[in-house]
């Protein structure tokens, strides 16, 4: 697994599974989806740390998408 991946990949993945970017506060990009947990992804230099990639994977698996 790469040490970090680009935010654009995470954003597209979330949007492809029904989440939408709700707001940005500082470095935190907050995605929402009706009936699902809200997810906050911190982004630094357009990179996302692996723990948040795993968080996104888990949310998608839980939703059955």
PDB file of N, CA and C in Angstrom:
ATOM      1  N   UNK A   1       0.848  -1.179   0.000  1.00  0.00           N
ATOM      2  CA  UNK A   1       0.000   0.000   0.000  1.00  0.00           C
ATOM      3  C   UNK A   1       0.888   1.234   0.000  1.00  0.00           C
ATOM      4  N   UNK A   2       0.567   2.205  -0.832  1.00  0.00           N
ATOM      5  CA  UNK A   2       1.384   3.428  -0.828  1.00  0.00           C
ATOM      6  C   UNK A   2       1.265   4.142   0.510  1.00  0.00           C
ATOM      7  N   UNK A   3       2.284   4.937   0.829  1.00  0.00           N
ATOM      8  CA  UNK A   3       2.248   5.636   2.105  1.00  0.00           C
ATOM      9  C   UNK A   3       1.120   6.661   2.137  1.00  0.00           C
ATOM     10  N   UNK A   4       0.823   7.269   1.028  1.00  0.00           N
ATOM     11  CA  UNK A   4      -0.276   8.224   0.915  1.00  0.00           C
ATOM     12  C   UNK A   4      -0.829   8.133  -0.501  1.00  0.00           C
ATOM     13  N   UNK A   5      -2.099   8.498  -0.668  1.00  0.00           N
ATOM     14  CA  UNK A   5      -2.637   8.564  -2.026  1.00  0.00           C
ATOM     15  C   UNK A   5      -3.276   9.930  -2.250  1.00  0.00           C
ATOM     16  N   UNK A   6      -3.498  10.252  -3.497  1.00  0.00           N
ATOM     17  CA  UNK A   6      -4.046  11.565  -3.853  1.00  0.00           C
ATOM     18  C   UNK A   6      -5.502  11.688  -3.399  1.00  0.00           C
ATOM     19  N   UNK A   7      -5.832  12.876  -2.942  1.00  0.00           N
ATOM     20  CA  UNK A   7      -7.194  13.160  -2.490  1.00  0.00           C
ATOM     21  C   UNK A   7      -8.195  12.988  -3.624  1.00  0.00           C
ATOM     22  N   UNK A   8      -7.814  13.326  -4.844  1.00  0.00           N
ATOM     23  CA  UNK A   8      -8.751  13.227  -5.967  1.00  0.00           C
ATOM     24  C   UNK A   8      -9.257  11.794  -6.142  1.00  0.00           C
ATOM     25  N   UNK A   9      -8.422  10.811  -5.842  1.00  0.00           N
ATOM     26  CA  UNK A   9      -8.837   9.405  -5.939  1.00  0.00           C
ATOM     27  C   UNK A   9      -9.872   9.090  -4.863  1.00  0.00           C
ATOM     28  N   UNK A  10      -9.608   9.540  -3.636  1.00  0.00           N
ATOM     29  CA  UNK A  10     -10.546   9.309  -2.531  1.00  0.00           C
ATOM     30  C   UNK A  10     -11.875  10.014  -2.811  1.00  0.00           C
ATOM     31  N   UNK A  11     -11.787  11.251  -3.259  1.00  0.00           N
ATOM     32  CA  UNK A  11     -13.013  12.015  -3.530  1.00  0.00           C
ATOM     33  C   UNK A  11     -13.853  11.323  -4.598  1.00  0.00           C
ATOM     34  N   UNK A  12     -13.233  10.916  -5.688  1.00  0.00           N
ATOM     35  CA  UNK A  12     -13.970  10.245  -6.764  1.00  0.00           C
ATOM     36  C   UNK A  12     -14.588   8.940  -6.267  1.00  0.00           C
ATOM     37  N   UNK A  13     -13.836   8.193  -5.478  1.00  0.00           N
ATOM     38  CA  UNK A  13     -14.346   6.931  -4.939  1.00  0.00           C
ATOM     39  C   UNK A  13     -15.582   7.171  -4.079  1.00  0.00           C
ATOM     40  N   UNK A  14     -15.497   8.139  -3.171  1.00  0.00           N
ATOM     41  CA  UNK A  14     -16.650   8.444  -2.319  1.00  0.00           C
ATOM     42  C   UNK A  14     -17.839   8.914  -3.154  1.00  0.00           C
ATOM     43  N   UNK A  15     -17.598   9.807  -4.092  1.00  0.00           N
ATOM     44  CA  UNK A  15     -18.689  10.323  -4.926  1.00  0.00           C
ATOM     45  C   UNK A  15     -19.306   9.220  -5.782  1.00  0.00           C
ATOM     46  N   UNK A  16     -18.491   8.294  -6.264  1.00  0.00           N
ATOM     47  CA  UNK A  16     -19.004   7.173  -7.057  1.00  0.00           C
ATOM     48  C   UNK A  16     -19.911   6.263  -6.230  1.00  0.00           C
ATOM     49  N   UNK A  17     -19.756   6.309  -4.895  1.00  0.00           N
ATOM     50  CA  UNK A  17     -20.557   5.471  -4.005  1.00  0.00           C
ATOM     51  C   UNK A  17     -21.622   6.273  -3.252  1.00  0.00           C
ATOM     52  N   UNK A  18     -21.920   7.478  -3.732  1.00  0.00           N
ATOM     53  CA  UNK A  18     -23.057   8.224  -3.217  1.00  0.00           C
ATOM     54  C   UNK A  18     -22.779   9.300  -2.185  1.00  0.00           C
ATOM     55  N   UNK A  19     -21.554   9.412  -1.708  1.00  0.00           N
ATOM     56  CA  UNK A  19     -21.239  10.496  -0.772  1.00  0.00           C
ATOM     57  C   UNK A  19     -21.049  11.772  -1.571  1.00  0.00           C
ATOM     58  N   UNK A  20     -21.277  12.909  -0.903  1.00  0.00           N
ATOM     59  CA  UNK A  20     -21.000  14.190  -1.554  1.00  0.00           C
ATOM     60  C   UNK A  20     -20.200  15.052  -0.593  1.00  0.00           C
ATOM     61  N   UNK A  21     -19.364  15.892  -1.165  1.00  0.00           N
ATOM     62  CA  UNK A  21     -18.579  16.814  -0.346  1.00  0.00           C
ATOM     63  C   UNK A  21     -19.539  17.849   0.220  1.00  0.00           C
ATOM     64  N   UNK A  22     -19.687  17.847   1.527  1.00  0.00           N
ATOM     65  CA  UNK A  22     -20.634  18.733   2.198  1.00  0.00           C
ATOM     66  C   UNK A  22     -19.997  20.054   2.593  1.00  0.00           C
ATOM     67  N   UNK A  23     -18.766  19.973   3.120  1.00  0.00           N
ATOM     68  CA  UNK A  23     -18.087  21.191   3.561  1.00  0.00           C
ATOM     69  C   UNK A  23     -16.601  20.920   3.735  1.00  0.00           C
ATOM     70  N   UNK A  24     -15.850  22.015   3.761  1.00  0.00           N
ATOM     71  CA  UNK A  24     -14.413  21.952   4.019  1.00  0.00           C
ATOM     72  C   UNK A  24     -14.128  22.941   5.132  1.00  0.00           C
ATOM     73  N   UNK A  25     -13.470  22.468   6.173  1.00  0.00           N
ATOM     74  CA  UNK A  25     -13.076  23.343   7.272  1.00  0.00           C
ATOM     75  C   UNK A  25     -11.601  23.086   7.542  1.00  0.00           C
ATOM     76  N   UNK A  26     -10.789  24.042   7.187  1.00  0.00           N
ATOM     77  CA  UNK A  26      -9.346  23.844   7.299  1.00  0.00           C
ATOM     78  C   UNK A  26      -8.920  22.771   6.316  1.00  0.00           C
ATOM     79  N   UNK A  27      -8.230  21.763   6.828  1.00  0.00           N
ATOM     80  CA  UNK A  27      -7.770  20.676   5.961  1.00  0.00           C
ATOM     81  C   UNK A  27      -8.775  19.531   5.888  1.00  0.00           C
ATOM     82  N   UNK A  28      -9.865  19.605   6.643  1.00  0.00           N
ATOM     83  CA  UNK A  28     -10.821  18.505   6.709  1.00  0.00           C
ATOM     84  C   UNK A  28     -11.938  18.672   5.680  1.00  0.00           C
ATOM     85  N   UNK A  29     -12.059  17.668   4.832  1.00  0.00           N
ATOM     86  CA  UNK A  29     -13.112  17.608   3.826  1.00  0.00           C
ATOM     87  C   UNK A  29     -14.167  16.643   4.365  1.00  0.00           C
ATOM     88  N   UNK A  30     -15.391  17.126   4.519  1.00  0.00           N
ATOM     89  CA  UNK A  30     -16.447  16.343   5.148  1.00  0.00           C
ATOM     90  C   UNK A  30     -17.442  15.890   4.083  1.00  0.00           C
ATOM     91  N   UNK A  31     -17.623  14.566   4.007  1.00  0.00           N
ATOM     92  CA  UNK A  31     -18.525  13.960   3.041  1.00  0.00           C
ATOM     93  C   UNK A  31     -19.737  13.398   3.769  1.00  0.00           C
ATOM     94  N   UNK A  32     -20.911  13.553   3.156  1.00  0.00           N
ATOM     95  CA  UNK A  32     -22.142  13.026   3.727  1.00  0.00           C
ATOM     96  C   UNK A  32     -22.877  12.182   2.695  1.00  0.00           C
ATOM     97  N   UNK A  33     -23.700  11.282   3.236  1.00  0.00           N
ATOM     98  CA  UNK A  33     -24.553  10.438   2.403  1.00  0.00           C
ATOM     99  C   UNK A  33     -25.769  10.085   3.246  1.00  0.00           C
ATOM    100  N   UNK A  34     -26.977  10.269   2.721  1.00  0.00           N
ATOM    101  CA  UNK A  34     -28.163   9.912   3.497  1.00  0.00           C
ATOM    102  C   UNK A  34     -28.114   8.451   3.948  1.00  0.00           C
ATOM    103  N   UNK A  35     -28.367   8.224   5.224  1.00  0.00           N
ATOM    104  CA  UNK A  35     -28.383   6.870   5.763  1.00  0.00           C
ATOM    105  C   UNK A  35     -27.023   6.289   6.072  1.00  0.00           C
ATOM    106  N   UNK A  36     -25.972   7.083   5.937  1.00  0.00           N
ATOM    107  CA  UNK A  36     -24.612   6.589   6.189  1.00  0.00           C
ATOM    108  C   UNK A  36     -23.889   7.537   7.139  1.00  0.00           C
ATOM    109  N   UNK A  37     -22.824   7.034   7.724  1.00  0.00           N
ATOM    110  CA  UNK A  37     -21.998   7.869   8.587  1.00  0.00           C
ATOM    111  C   UNK A  37     -21.352   8.990   7.783  1.00  0.00           C
ATOM    112  N   UNK A  38     -21.187  10.130   8.432  1.00  0.00           N
ATOM    113  CA  UNK A  38     -20.421  11.232   7.848  1.00  0.00           C
ATOM    114  C   UNK A  38     -18.949  10.870   7.953  1.00  0.00           C
ATOM    115  N   UNK A  39     -18.182  11.219   6.945  1.00  0.00           N
ATOM    116  CA  UNK A  39     -16.749  10.917   6.970  1.00  0.00           C
ATOM    117  C   UNK A  39     -15.958  12.205   6.750  1.00  0.00           C
ATOM    118  N   UNK A  40     -14.978  12.411   7.617  1.00  0.00           N
ATOM    119  CA  UNK A  40     -14.103  13.576   7.531  1.00  0.00           C
ATOM    120  C   UNK A  40     -12.713  13.104   7.130  1.00  0.00           C
ATOM    121  N   UNK A  41     -12.204  13.656   6.046  1.00  0.00           N
ATOM    122  CA  UNK A  41     -10.905  13.256   5.514  1.00  0.00           C
ATOM    123  C   UNK A  41      -9.953  14.443   5.568  1.00  0.00           C
ATOM    124  N   UNK A  42      -8.905  14.362   6.402  1.00  0.00           N
ATOM    125  CA  UNK A  42      -7.908  15.432   6.401  1.00  0.00           C
ATOM    126  C   UNK A  42      -7.005  15.312   5.175  1.00  0.00           C
ATOM    127  N   UNK A  43      -6.758  16.444   4.537  1.00  0.00           N
ATOM    128  CA  UNK A  43      -5.954  16.462   3.314  1.00  0.00           C
ATOM    129  C   UNK A  43      -4.820  17.459   3.492  1.00  0.00           C
ATOM    130  N   UNK A  44      -3.604  16.987   3.231  1.00  0.00           N
ATOM    131  CA  UNK A  44      -2.427  17.850   3.301  1.00  0.00           C
ATOM    132  C   UNK A  44      -1.617  17.645   2.031  1.00  0.00           C
ATOM    133  N   UNK A  45      -1.351  18.726   1.313  1.00  0.00           N
ATOM    134  CA  UNK A  45      -0.613  18.662   0.044  1.00  0.00           C
ATOM    135  C   UNK A  45      -1.267  17.700  -0.943  1.00  0.00           C
ATOM    136  N   UNK A  46      -2.604  17.707  -0.967  1.00  0.00           N
ATOM    137  CA  UNK A  46      -3.397  16.850  -1.851  1.00  0.00           C
ATOM    138  C   UNK A  46      -3.170  15.360  -1.601  1.00  0.00           C
ATOM    139  N   UNK A  47      -2.753  14.989  -0.392  1.00  0.00           N
ATOM    140  CA  UNK A  47      -2.501  13.589  -0.041  1.00  0.00           C
ATOM    141  C   UNK A  47      -3.375  13.170   1.135  1.00  0.00           C
ATOM    142  N   UNK A  48      -3.736  11.886   1.158  1.00  0.00           N
ATOM    143  CA  UNK A  48      -4.532  11.301   2.231  1.00  0.00           C
ATOM    144  C   UNK A  48      -3.748  10.133   2.818  1.00  0.00           C
ATOM    145  N   UNK A  49      -3.665  10.087   4.134  1.00  0.00           N
ATOM    146  CA  UNK A  49      -2.915   9.033   4.823  1.00  0.00           C
ATOM    147  C   UNK A  49      -3.648   7.691   4.728  1.00  0.00           C
ATOM    148  N   UNK A  50      -2.893   6.591   4.771  1.00  0.00           N
ATOM    149  CA  UNK A  50      -3.480   5.257   4.614  1.00  0.00           C
ATOM    150  C   UNK A  50      -4.609   4.937   5.594  1.00  0.00           C
ATOM    151  N   UNK A  51      -4.536   5.432   6.826  1.00  0.00           N
ATOM    152  CA  UNK A  51      -5.603   5.108   7.797  1.00  0.00           C
ATOM    153  C   UNK A  51      -6.958   5.621   7.306  1.00  0.00           C
ATOM    154  N   UNK A  52      -6.963   6.750   6.582  1.00  0.00           N
ATOM    155  CA  UNK A  52      -8.222   7.294   6.071  1.00  0.00           C
ATOM    156  C   UNK A  52      -8.673   6.558   4.815  1.00  0.00           C
ATOM    157  N   UNK A  53      -7.730   6.037   4.068  1.00  0.00           N
ATOM    158  CA  UNK A  53      -8.077   5.185   2.923  1.00  0.00           C
ATOM    159  C   UNK A  53      -8.800   3.945   3.441  1.00  0.00           C
ATOM    160  N   UNK A  54      -8.264   3.339   4.496  1.00  0.00           N
ATOM    161  CA  UNK A  54      -8.903   2.161   5.094  1.00  0.00           C
ATOM    162  C   UNK A  54     -10.287   2.515   5.647  1.00  0.00           C
ATOM    163  N   UNK A  55     -10.416   3.701   6.222  1.00  0.00           N
ATOM    164  CA  UNK A  55     -11.705   4.161   6.747  1.00  0.00           C
ATOM    165  C   UNK A  55     -12.743   4.240   5.627  1.00  0.00           C
ATOM    166  N   UNK A  56     -12.338   4.783   4.488  1.00  0.00           N
ATOM    167  CA  UNK A  56     -13.236   4.884   3.337  1.00  0.00           C
ATOM    168  C   UNK A  56     -13.606   3.492   2.834  1.00  0.00           C
ATOM    169  N   UNK A  57     -12.631   2.598   2.740  1.00  0.00           N
ATOM    170  CA  UNK A  57     -12.907   1.232   2.293  1.00  0.00           C
ATOM    171  C   UNK A  57     -13.931   0.566   3.209  1.00  0.00           C
ATOM    172  N   UNK A  58     -13.765   0.742   4.509  1.00  0.00           N
ATOM    173  CA  UNK A  58     -14.677   0.135   5.478  1.00  0.00           C
ATOM    174  C   UNK A  58     -16.090   0.696   5.326  1.00  0.00           C
ATOM    175  N   UNK A  59     -16.209   2.014   5.168  1.00  0.00           N
ATOM    176  CA  UNK A  59     -17.532   2.623   4.986  1.00  0.00           C
ATOM    177  C   UNK A  59     -18.231   2.084   3.744  1.00  0.00           C
ATOM    178  N   UNK A  60     -17.492   1.958   2.664  1.00  0.00           N
ATOM    179  CA  UNK A  60     -18.072   1.453   1.418  1.00  0.00           C
ATOM    180  C   UNK A  60     -18.516   0.004   1.585  1.00  0.00           C
ATOM    181  N   UNK A  61     -17.690  -0.802   2.246  1.00  0.00           N
ATOM    182  CA  UNK A  61     -18.055  -2.202   2.486  1.00  0.00           C
ATOM    183  C   UNK A  61     -19.302  -2.305   3.356  1.00  0.00           C
ATOM    184  N   UNK A  62     -19.397  -1.460   4.385  1.00  0.00           N
ATOM    185  CA  UNK A  62     -20.559  -1.482   5.272  1.00  0.00           C
ATOM    186  C   UNK A  62     -21.838  -1.104   4.538  1.00  0.00           C
ATOM    187  N   UNK A  63     -21.731  -0.231   3.554  1.00  0.00           N
ATOM    188  CA  UNK A  63     -22.892   0.201   2.783  1.00  0.00           C
ATOM    189  C   UNK A  63     -23.287  -0.823   1.723  1.00  0.00           C
ATOM    190  N   UNK A  64     -22.408  -1.769   1.446  1.00  0.00           N
ATOM    191  CA  UNK A  64     -22.702  -2.786   0.453  1.00  0.00           C
ATOM    192  C   UNK A  64     -22.643  -2.291  -0.973  1.00  0.00           C
ATOM    193  N   UNK A  65     -21.923  -1.187  -1.186  1.00  0.00           N
ATOM    194  CA  UNK A  65     -21.797  -0.623  -2.540  1.00  0.00           C
ATOM    195  C   UNK A  65     -20.709  -1.313  -3.320  1.00  0.00           C
TER     196      UNK A  65
END
